Protein backbone atom coordinates (compact mmCIF):
# COMPACT_ATOMS: atom_id res chain seq x y z
CA MET A 1 0.00 0.00 0.00
CA ILE A 2 1.22 3.49 -0.83
CA GLU A 3 0.60 6.35 1.60
CA PHE A 4 2.57 9.56 1.92
CA VAL A 5 2.13 13.33 1.94
CA PHE A 6 4.17 15.98 0.18
CA ARG A 7 4.16 19.64 -0.78
CA PRO A 8 4.03 20.08 -4.57
CA THR A 9 6.58 22.29 -6.32
CA ARG A 10 6.39 24.31 -9.51
CA LYS A 11 8.49 26.79 -11.42
CA ILE A 12 7.55 30.45 -11.34
CA LYS A 13 9.71 32.75 -13.52
CA GLY A 14 12.44 30.12 -13.64
CA LYS A 15 12.53 29.64 -9.89
CA ARG A 16 11.21 26.45 -8.24
CA THR A 17 8.65 27.26 -5.56
CA VAL A 18 7.27 24.87 -2.92
CA SER A 19 3.52 24.99 -2.25
CA ARG A 20 2.32 26.06 1.17
CA LEU A 21 -0.43 23.37 1.18
CA TRP A 22 0.09 19.63 1.42
CA SER A 23 -1.06 16.92 -1.02
CA GLY A 24 -1.16 13.17 -0.63
CA ARG A 25 -0.58 10.09 -2.76
CA TYR A 26 -2.03 6.67 -2.06
CA ALA A 27 -2.86 3.21 -3.47
CA THR A 28 -4.97 0.77 -1.46
CA GLU A 29 -4.25 -2.39 -3.49
CA PRO A 30 -1.00 -3.93 -4.82
CA GLY A 31 -0.42 -2.97 -8.45
CA GLN A 32 -2.95 -0.12 -8.30
CA SER A 33 -1.87 3.15 -9.92
CA PRO A 34 -1.23 5.75 -7.19
CA VAL A 35 -3.86 8.45 -6.76
CA THR A 36 -2.78 12.03 -6.03
CA ILE A 37 -5.15 14.24 -4.08
CA ALA A 38 -4.93 17.82 -2.80
CA LEU A 39 -5.43 17.85 0.98
CA GLY A 40 -5.77 21.63 1.29
CA VAL A 41 -4.05 21.97 4.69
CA SER A 42 -0.76 23.62 5.68
CA ASP A 43 0.07 21.39 8.68
CA GLU A 44 1.87 18.10 7.92
CA ALA A 45 0.33 16.17 10.80
CA VAL A 46 -3.17 17.23 9.81
CA ALA A 47 -2.37 16.29 6.20
CA ARG A 48 -1.25 12.79 7.27
CA ALA A 49 -4.39 12.29 9.36
CA LYS A 50 -6.64 13.48 6.54
CA LEU A 51 -4.96 11.21 3.98
CA HIS A 52 -5.23 8.24 6.31
CA GLU A 53 -8.94 8.90 6.80
CA ILE A 54 -9.44 8.97 3.02
CA ILE A 55 -7.63 5.64 2.63
CA VAL A 56 -9.66 3.99 5.40
CA THR A 57 -12.90 5.26 3.81
CA LYS A 58 -11.89 3.84 0.40
CA GLN A 59 -11.08 0.48 1.98
CA ARG A 60 -14.43 0.38 3.77
CA GLU A 61 -16.22 1.21 0.53
CA ALA A 62 -14.37 -1.59 -1.27
CA ALA A 63 -15.31 -4.03 1.50
CA GLY A 64 -18.95 -2.96 1.36
CA LEU A 65 -18.94 -1.67 4.91
CA ILE A 66 -20.11 1.79 3.84
CA ALA A 67 -21.83 3.21 0.76
CA PRO A 68 -19.82 4.92 -1.99
CA ALA A 69 -19.24 8.64 -1.63
CA SER A 70 -21.78 9.48 -4.38
CA GLU A 71 -24.49 7.57 -2.49
CA ARG A 72 -23.59 9.17 0.83
CA LYS A 73 -23.70 12.63 -0.73
CA ALA A 74 -27.07 11.98 -2.39
CA ALA A 75 -28.44 10.53 0.86
CA SER A 76 -27.90 13.84 2.60
CA THR A 77 -29.18 15.95 -0.32
CA PRO A 78 -32.86 17.05 -0.29
CA LEU A 79 -34.94 15.24 -2.89
CA PRO A 80 -36.09 18.49 -4.59
CA GLU A 81 -32.44 19.26 -5.37
CA LEU A 82 -31.93 15.80 -6.85
CA LEU A 83 -35.13 16.27 -8.87
CA THR A 84 -33.71 19.50 -10.30
CA GLU A 85 -30.65 17.57 -11.51
CA TYR A 86 -32.95 14.93 -13.05
CA GLU A 87 -34.98 17.62 -14.83
CA SER A 88 -31.77 19.11 -16.26
CA ASP A 89 -30.79 15.68 -17.56
CA LEU A 90 -34.20 15.19 -19.22
CA LYS A 91 -33.92 18.57 -20.92
CA GLY A 92 -30.38 17.75 -22.01
CA ARG A 93 -31.73 14.69 -23.82
CA GLU A 94 -33.91 17.06 -25.88
CA LEU A 95 -37.13 15.39 -24.84
CA GLU A 96 -40.41 17.14 -25.60
CA ALA A 97 -40.85 20.08 -23.23
CA GLY A 98 -44.40 19.07 -22.33
CA HIS A 99 -43.28 15.55 -21.41
CA VAL A 100 -40.52 16.89 -19.14
CA ARG A 101 -42.89 19.35 -17.48
CA ASP A 102 -45.60 16.75 -16.80
CA THR A 103 -43.07 14.21 -15.51
CA VAL A 104 -41.53 16.65 -13.04
CA ARG A 105 -44.95 17.79 -11.82
CA ARG A 106 -46.02 14.21 -11.12
CA ILE A 107 -42.83 13.51 -9.17
CA GLU A 108 -43.17 16.74 -7.18
CA LYS A 109 -46.71 15.78 -6.22
CA VAL A 110 -45.63 12.31 -5.07
CA LEU A 111 -42.71 13.68 -3.01
CA SER A 112 -44.94 16.29 -1.39
CA SER A 113 -47.90 13.98 -0.71
CA CYS A 114 -45.70 11.20 0.72
CA ARG A 115 -43.64 13.75 2.69
CA TRP A 116 -40.36 12.33 1.45
CA LYS A 117 -37.44 14.65 2.21
CA ARG A 118 -34.46 12.33 1.63
CA ILE A 119 -33.87 9.10 -0.28
CA ALA A 120 -34.03 7.16 3.00
CA ASP A 121 -37.66 8.29 3.47
CA ILE A 122 -38.85 6.46 0.34
CA THR A 123 -40.53 3.16 1.21
CA PRO A 124 -42.93 0.88 -0.71
CA ASP A 125 -45.61 0.94 1.99
CA SER A 126 -45.72 4.75 2.15
CA PHE A 127 -46.16 4.94 -1.63
CA VAL A 128 -48.90 2.28 -1.63
CA ARG A 129 -50.78 4.20 1.08
CA TYR A 130 -50.48 7.40 -0.96
CA ARG A 131 -51.71 5.65 -4.12
CA SER A 132 -54.74 4.24 -2.30
CA ARG A 133 -55.72 7.78 -1.31
CA MET A 134 -55.27 9.24 -4.78
CA VAL A 135 -58.37 10.69 -6.39
CA GLY A 136 -58.36 10.08 -10.11
CA ALA A 137 -58.37 7.52 -12.86
CA ALA A 138 -56.33 4.32 -12.89
CA LYS A 139 -54.30 5.82 -15.73
CA THR A 140 -53.38 8.82 -13.55
CA LYS A 141 -52.16 6.52 -10.78
CA LYS A 142 -50.12 4.47 -13.22
CA GLU A 143 -48.52 7.57 -14.78
CA ALA A 144 -47.52 8.81 -11.31
CA GLN A 145 -45.85 5.48 -10.53
CA ILE A 146 -44.06 5.39 -13.89
CA SER A 147 -42.68 8.90 -13.34
CA ILE A 148 -41.41 8.32 -9.79
CA ASN A 149 -39.89 4.99 -10.84
CA ALA A 150 -38.07 6.66 -13.73
CA PHE A 151 -36.62 9.20 -11.28
CA LEU A 152 -35.48 6.52 -8.82
CA ASN A 153 -33.99 4.37 -11.58
CA TRP A 154 -32.03 7.43 -12.73
CA LEU A 155 -30.63 7.86 -9.21
CA VAL A 156 -29.45 4.24 -9.33
CA ARG A 157 -27.81 4.68 -12.74
CA MET A 158 -26.05 7.84 -11.56
CA GLY A 159 -24.63 6.05 -8.53
CA MET A 160 -26.71 8.11 -6.11
CA ALA A 161 -28.83 5.26 -4.77
CA PRO A 162 -28.08 1.53 -4.38
CA VAL A 163 -31.53 0.33 -5.48
CA ASN A 164 -34.97 1.60 -6.47
CA PRO A 165 -37.09 1.28 -3.28
CA LEU A 166 -40.31 1.04 -5.34
CA ALA A 167 -39.11 -1.53 -7.88
CA ALA A 168 -41.24 -4.32 -6.40
CA VAL A 169 -44.49 -2.30 -6.19
CA THR A 170 -47.03 -3.71 -8.65
CA HIS A 171 -48.35 -1.31 -11.28
CA VAL A 172 -52.02 -0.36 -11.54
CA ASP A 173 -53.93 -2.37 -14.14
CA ILE A 174 -55.65 0.13 -16.44
CA ARG A 175 -57.15 -2.31 -18.94
CA GLY A 176 -60.87 -1.67 -19.34
CA LYS A 177 -60.79 1.21 -16.83
CA ALA A 178 -60.97 4.22 -19.12
CA VAL A 179 -62.61 7.18 -17.40
CA ARG A 180 -63.96 8.75 -20.56
CA LYS A 181 -65.18 6.16 -23.01
CA SER A 182 -64.72 7.35 -26.55
CA ARG A 183 -66.69 6.61 -29.68
CA ALA A 184 -65.98 6.55 -33.38
CA PHE A 185 -66.88 9.34 -35.79
CA MET A 186 -69.82 8.73 -38.08
CA PRO A 187 -68.89 9.24 -41.77
CA ASP A 188 -71.19 12.28 -41.99
CA GLU A 189 -69.62 13.78 -38.85
CA PHE A 190 -66.15 13.21 -40.24
CA ALA A 191 -67.14 14.86 -43.51
CA ARG A 192 -68.42 17.92 -41.64
CA LEU A 193 -65.20 18.06 -39.63
CA LEU A 194 -63.12 18.07 -42.79
CA ARG A 195 -65.33 20.76 -44.27
CA VAL A 196 -64.51 23.21 -41.45
CA SER A 197 -60.94 22.09 -40.73
CA ARG A 198 -59.15 24.14 -43.41
CA GLY A 199 -55.43 23.46 -43.00
CA ARG A 200 -56.09 20.70 -40.49
CA ARG A 201 -57.75 18.38 -43.00
CA LEU A 202 -54.64 16.27 -43.62
CA PRO A 203 -53.75 15.65 -39.93
CA TYR A 204 -57.34 14.55 -39.28
CA LEU A 205 -57.28 12.24 -42.30
CA PHE A 206 -53.95 10.79 -41.19
CA LEU A 207 -55.24 10.03 -37.69
CA ALA A 208 -58.44 8.40 -38.97
CA TYR A 209 -56.80 6.28 -41.69
CA THR A 210 -53.70 5.10 -39.80
CA GLY A 211 -55.02 4.64 -36.26
CA SER A 212 -51.99 6.58 -35.00
CA ARG A 213 -51.88 8.14 -31.58
CA LYS A 214 -51.78 11.93 -31.37
CA ASN A 215 -48.11 12.13 -30.32
CA GLU A 216 -47.07 9.61 -32.98
CA ALA A 217 -48.60 11.81 -35.67
CA LYS A 218 -47.41 15.05 -34.09
CA GLN A 219 -43.75 13.95 -34.05
CA LEU A 220 -43.87 12.36 -37.53
CA LYS A 221 -41.05 13.45 -39.86
CA TRP A 222 -40.79 13.14 -43.62
CA ALA A 223 -37.93 10.67 -43.21
CA GLN A 224 -40.48 8.23 -41.76
CA VAL A 225 -42.82 8.43 -44.78
CA LYS A 226 -42.04 6.25 -47.79
CA PHE A 227 -44.09 6.42 -50.99
CA ASN A 228 -42.22 3.86 -53.10
CA PRO A 229 -42.49 1.02 -53.78
CA THR A 230 -45.32 0.77 -51.23
CA PRO A 231 -46.64 3.75 -49.23
CA VAL A 232 -45.81 3.19 -45.56
CA VAL A 233 -45.02 5.11 -42.36
CA THR A 234 -42.27 3.81 -40.08
CA LEU A 235 -42.53 4.40 -36.35
CA GLN A 236 -39.39 3.70 -34.33
CA ALA A 237 -39.43 2.33 -30.78
CA GLU A 238 -38.91 5.79 -29.32
CA ASP A 239 -41.96 7.07 -31.24
CA THR A 240 -44.52 4.59 -29.86
CA LYS A 241 -46.30 4.27 -26.55
CA ASN A 242 -45.28 0.64 -26.00
CA SER A 243 -41.68 1.22 -27.22
CA GLU A 244 -42.19 -1.22 -30.07
CA PRO A 245 -41.35 -0.25 -33.69
CA ARG A 246 -44.30 -0.34 -36.06
CA LEU A 247 -45.00 -0.12 -39.80
CA ILE A 248 -48.27 1.52 -40.82
CA PRO A 249 -49.43 1.01 -44.41
CA LEU A 250 -51.00 4.08 -45.98
CA HIS A 251 -54.41 4.11 -47.62
CA PRO A 252 -53.82 4.86 -51.36
CA ARG A 253 -55.81 8.10 -51.21
CA LEU A 254 -54.04 9.23 -48.03
CA ALA A 255 -50.66 8.49 -49.60
CA GLN A 256 -51.67 10.60 -52.60
CA GLU A 257 -52.64 13.58 -50.43
CA LEU A 258 -49.45 13.30 -48.37
CA SER A 259 -47.34 13.16 -51.52
CA GLU A 260 -49.04 16.26 -52.91
CA LYS A 261 -48.60 18.11 -49.61
CA ARG A 262 -44.88 17.33 -49.22
CA PRO A 263 -42.85 20.50 -49.94
CA LYS A 264 -40.23 20.14 -52.67
CA ASP A 265 -37.54 21.44 -50.32
CA ALA A 266 -38.65 19.35 -47.33
CA THR A 267 -35.79 17.90 -45.30
CA PRO A 268 -35.92 14.40 -43.75
CA ALA A 269 -35.95 15.91 -40.25
CA GLN A 270 -38.86 18.26 -41.05
CA ARG A 271 -42.18 17.44 -39.40
CA VAL A 272 -45.01 16.37 -41.67
CA PHE A 273 -47.69 18.28 -39.75
CA ASP A 274 -46.38 21.63 -38.58
CA PRO A 275 -48.22 23.09 -36.79
CA PHE A 276 -50.21 20.14 -35.46
CA PRO A 277 -53.78 20.85 -34.25
CA SER A 278 -54.04 21.49 -30.52
CA TYR A 279 -56.77 20.06 -28.31
CA ASP A 280 -58.49 23.45 -28.10
CA THR A 281 -58.38 23.73 -31.90
CA LEU A 282 -59.99 20.30 -32.22
CA LEU A 283 -62.81 21.27 -29.85
CA ALA A 284 -63.36 24.47 -31.82
CA ASP A 285 -63.61 22.44 -35.04
CA PHE A 286 -66.17 20.18 -33.35
CA ARG A 287 -68.31 23.21 -32.55
CA ARG A 288 -68.03 24.59 -36.09
CA ALA A 289 -68.91 21.17 -37.53
CA GLY A 290 -71.91 20.73 -35.22
CA ILE A 291 -70.44 17.59 -33.62
CA GLU A 292 -71.68 16.83 -30.11
CA ARG A 293 -68.64 16.09 -28.00
CA ARG A 294 -70.58 13.84 -25.61
CA ASP A 295 -73.39 11.54 -26.73
CA ALA A 296 -76.39 10.20 -24.81
CA LEU A 297 -74.31 7.29 -23.48
CA GLY A 298 -71.67 9.61 -22.05
CA ARG A 299 -69.05 8.71 -24.66
CA VAL A 300 -66.88 11.53 -25.96
CA VAL A 301 -64.97 12.37 -29.11
CA HIS A 302 -61.40 13.66 -28.81
CA PHE A 303 -58.06 12.79 -30.40
CA HIS A 304 -58.37 9.13 -29.36
CA ALA A 305 -61.68 8.96 -31.22
CA PHE A 306 -59.75 8.99 -34.52
CA ARG A 307 -58.00 5.79 -33.42
CA LYS A 308 -61.31 4.15 -32.55
CA THR A 309 -62.72 5.38 -35.86
CA PHE A 310 -59.99 3.53 -37.75
CA GLN A 311 -60.85 0.31 -35.95
CA THR A 312 -64.61 0.75 -36.34
CA TRP A 313 -64.55 1.65 -40.03
CA GLY A 314 -62.07 -1.15 -40.64
CA ALA A 315 -64.29 -3.72 -38.94
CA ALA A 316 -67.28 -2.53 -40.96
CA ALA A 317 -65.26 -2.81 -44.18
CA GLY A 318 -64.05 -6.34 -43.38
CA VAL A 319 -60.47 -5.57 -42.31
CA GLY A 320 -59.06 -8.63 -40.55
CA GLN A 321 -58.83 -8.44 -36.77
CA ARG A 322 -55.19 -9.53 -36.69
CA ALA A 323 -54.25 -6.98 -39.35
CA ALA A 324 -55.95 -4.17 -37.43
CA GLN A 325 -54.22 -5.29 -34.23
CA GLU A 326 -50.82 -5.11 -35.93
CA ILE A 327 -51.47 -1.67 -37.41
CA LEU A 328 -52.77 -0.27 -34.11
CA GLY A 329 -49.83 -1.72 -32.18
CA HIS A 330 -51.94 -3.67 -29.67
CA SER A 331 -50.54 -6.70 -27.83
CA ASP A 332 -53.96 -8.30 -27.31
CA PRO A 333 -55.93 -10.38 -27.97
CA SER A 334 -54.81 -13.93 -27.27
CA LEU A 335 -51.80 -16.13 -27.56
CA THR A 336 -53.05 -17.67 -30.79
CA ALA A 337 -53.19 -14.37 -32.63
CA ASN A 338 -49.82 -13.19 -31.30
CA VAL A 339 -47.70 -16.35 -31.43
CA TYR A 340 -49.20 -18.48 -34.18
CA THR A 341 -49.83 -15.74 -36.73
CA ASP A 342 -47.05 -14.72 -39.09
CA THR A 343 -47.54 -10.96 -39.14
CA THR A 344 -45.03 -10.51 -41.96
CA ALA A 345 -47.36 -12.47 -44.23
CA LEU A 346 -50.35 -10.26 -43.56
CA GLN A 347 -51.46 -8.20 -46.54
CA LEU A 348 -51.73 -5.04 -44.47
CA HIS A 349 -51.89 -2.64 -47.41
CA ASP A 350 -54.76 -4.58 -48.95
CA GLU A 351 -56.56 -4.52 -45.59
CA VAL A 352 -56.22 -0.75 -45.18
CA ALA A 353 -57.36 -0.16 -48.76
CA LYS A 354 -60.66 -1.87 -47.90
CA ILE A 355 -61.74 1.11 -45.74
CA PRO A 356 -64.09 3.41 -47.70
CA TRP A 357 -62.63 6.86 -48.38
CA HIS A 358 -64.63 9.59 -46.67
CA GLY A 359 -62.16 12.36 -47.43
CA ASP A 360 -64.28 13.71 -50.29
CA ALA A 361 -67.72 13.00 -48.83
CA HIS A 362 -68.31 16.62 -47.85
CA ILE A 363 -67.57 17.76 -51.43
CA GLU A 364 -70.03 15.28 -52.93
CA ARG A 365 -72.68 16.24 -50.35
CA THR A 366 -72.19 19.95 -51.05
CA ASN A 367 -72.62 19.41 -54.81
CA THR A 368 -75.80 17.39 -54.26
CA LEU A 369 -77.33 19.97 -51.96
CA THR A 370 -76.55 22.73 -54.45
CA LYS A 371 -78.42 20.90 -57.22
CA ASP A 372 -81.44 20.32 -54.98
CA ALA A 373 -81.54 23.83 -53.53
CA GLN A 374 -84.37 24.88 -55.89
CA ASN A 375 -86.59 22.01 -54.71
CA PRO A 376 -87.37 22.51 -50.97
CA HIS A 377 -89.52 19.35 -50.76
CA LYS A 378 -86.75 17.22 -52.18
CA LEU A 379 -84.20 18.87 -49.90
CA ALA A 380 -86.33 18.23 -46.80
CA PHE A 381 -86.77 14.59 -47.83
CA ARG A 382 -82.99 14.19 -48.30
CA ASP A 383 -82.27 15.67 -44.85
CA THR A 384 -84.77 13.32 -43.20
CA LEU A 385 -83.33 10.35 -45.07
CA ALA A 386 -79.77 11.37 -44.10
CA LYS A 387 -80.71 11.48 -40.43
CA LEU A 388 -82.26 8.00 -40.63
CA VAL A 389 -79.15 6.62 -42.36
CA GLU A 390 -76.88 8.24 -39.77
CA LEU A 391 -78.97 6.71 -36.96
CA ALA A 392 -78.70 3.30 -38.58
CA GLN A 393 -74.95 3.71 -38.88
CA VAL A 394 -74.66 4.57 -35.19
CA VAL A 395 -76.39 1.35 -34.21
CA ASP A 396 -74.55 -0.80 -36.76
CA LEU A 397 -71.02 0.57 -36.33
CA GLU A 398 -71.18 0.65 -32.55
CA ALA A 399 -72.35 -2.95 -32.53
CA ILE A 400 -69.53 -3.97 -34.86
CA SER A 401 -66.92 -2.15 -32.77
CA GLU A 402 -67.95 -4.19 -29.71
CA LEU A 403 -67.91 -7.62 -31.46
CA LYS A 404 -65.37 -9.11 -29.10
CA PHE A 405 -67.77 -8.77 -26.17
CA SER A 406 -70.65 -10.80 -27.55
CA ASP A 407 -70.71 -13.88 -29.80
CA LYS A 408 -74.46 -13.48 -30.13
CA LEU A 409 -74.08 -9.93 -31.37
CA ALA A 410 -71.38 -11.07 -33.80
CA ALA A 411 -73.67 -13.71 -35.27
CA ARG A 412 -76.44 -11.17 -35.71
CA HIS A 413 -74.13 -9.06 -37.86
CA GLY A 414 -73.00 -12.02 -39.93
CA PHE A 415 -69.56 -12.43 -38.34
CA GLU A 416 -67.99 -15.63 -37.07
CA PRO A 417 -68.03 -15.66 -33.23
């Protein structure tokens, strides 16, 4: 073992000068390269004692008798300060600002509600008690747990904590526990939405004909859109909710509109939809289109309704269940569908092309109404007939979208249970 103290020297204007403060050099294991450290004291005896204390601490760390210095420092640091470091790291990774903000807010709420001041205060039972008192949806509880776990896992990776205290806490099961049940758009509703959407027509079409989630579409770049030889959108693992890469075939008409919209000078890193419609903009378009946000059954239409619309229209058009599952990126249903089906052999483009194109329905309807404007009796009859057809579609499409819940209902619609 190497252990000695010395006062460093250096040349100043050609003259060698000895430092007033002592430094030390040590090695705790045979063959280890000596470590030099500034002790910052002017007394030799104090320097020797300080160096010896450092060596003993290193030996205890190596033997596992005490935690590493980084863990001991973090243990005495208030959690809000550690959270500030975590937030800086998230921002440094150039994550979406909204995601960083929401994550930090969730963690702050957990720390405050559980009254955790230091890492040692974090225990599984205190978190479980907090979660049981939480007022909100199952999804909200799960998001809070995901955020706090991400923070604790970061502390472990940074050497600030030995383990994640909440690693063994079971996550909340959110399947079938949606607070706001959504519904699909009726074709006539969708046509009215497109009619008032102006520059937002293409994002709405993309959501309805790909089943993409809002953030997947919002972050989409031209590098992810391929038109030849087969139109397809590529979503990488970092783009999807379940961190699984996904290929989404494009409906021929949607591919045509995207191709026409693509600027000639567009770069691969440029976003396809910029700006992307905000939630407030969508609600305003609903009002202009005369679309009731909440129906008599309490179901609502929002951004997720486009995803349900894709599934509902696809089922009505005969799109295979396994194909729709692959396009939507769902892991359910059943072992048979997931393990014993070769998804690479599915004709996904042919399946998507089965869905009727409603992108021009509002144009056709406008032309028809213009021709009939001089005949008020005929116009009134057409409006009444349209309402009856829309009502029939509500019943039929909603029944089809819930096929998996009832074999009897499936048989009534002519599907195999």
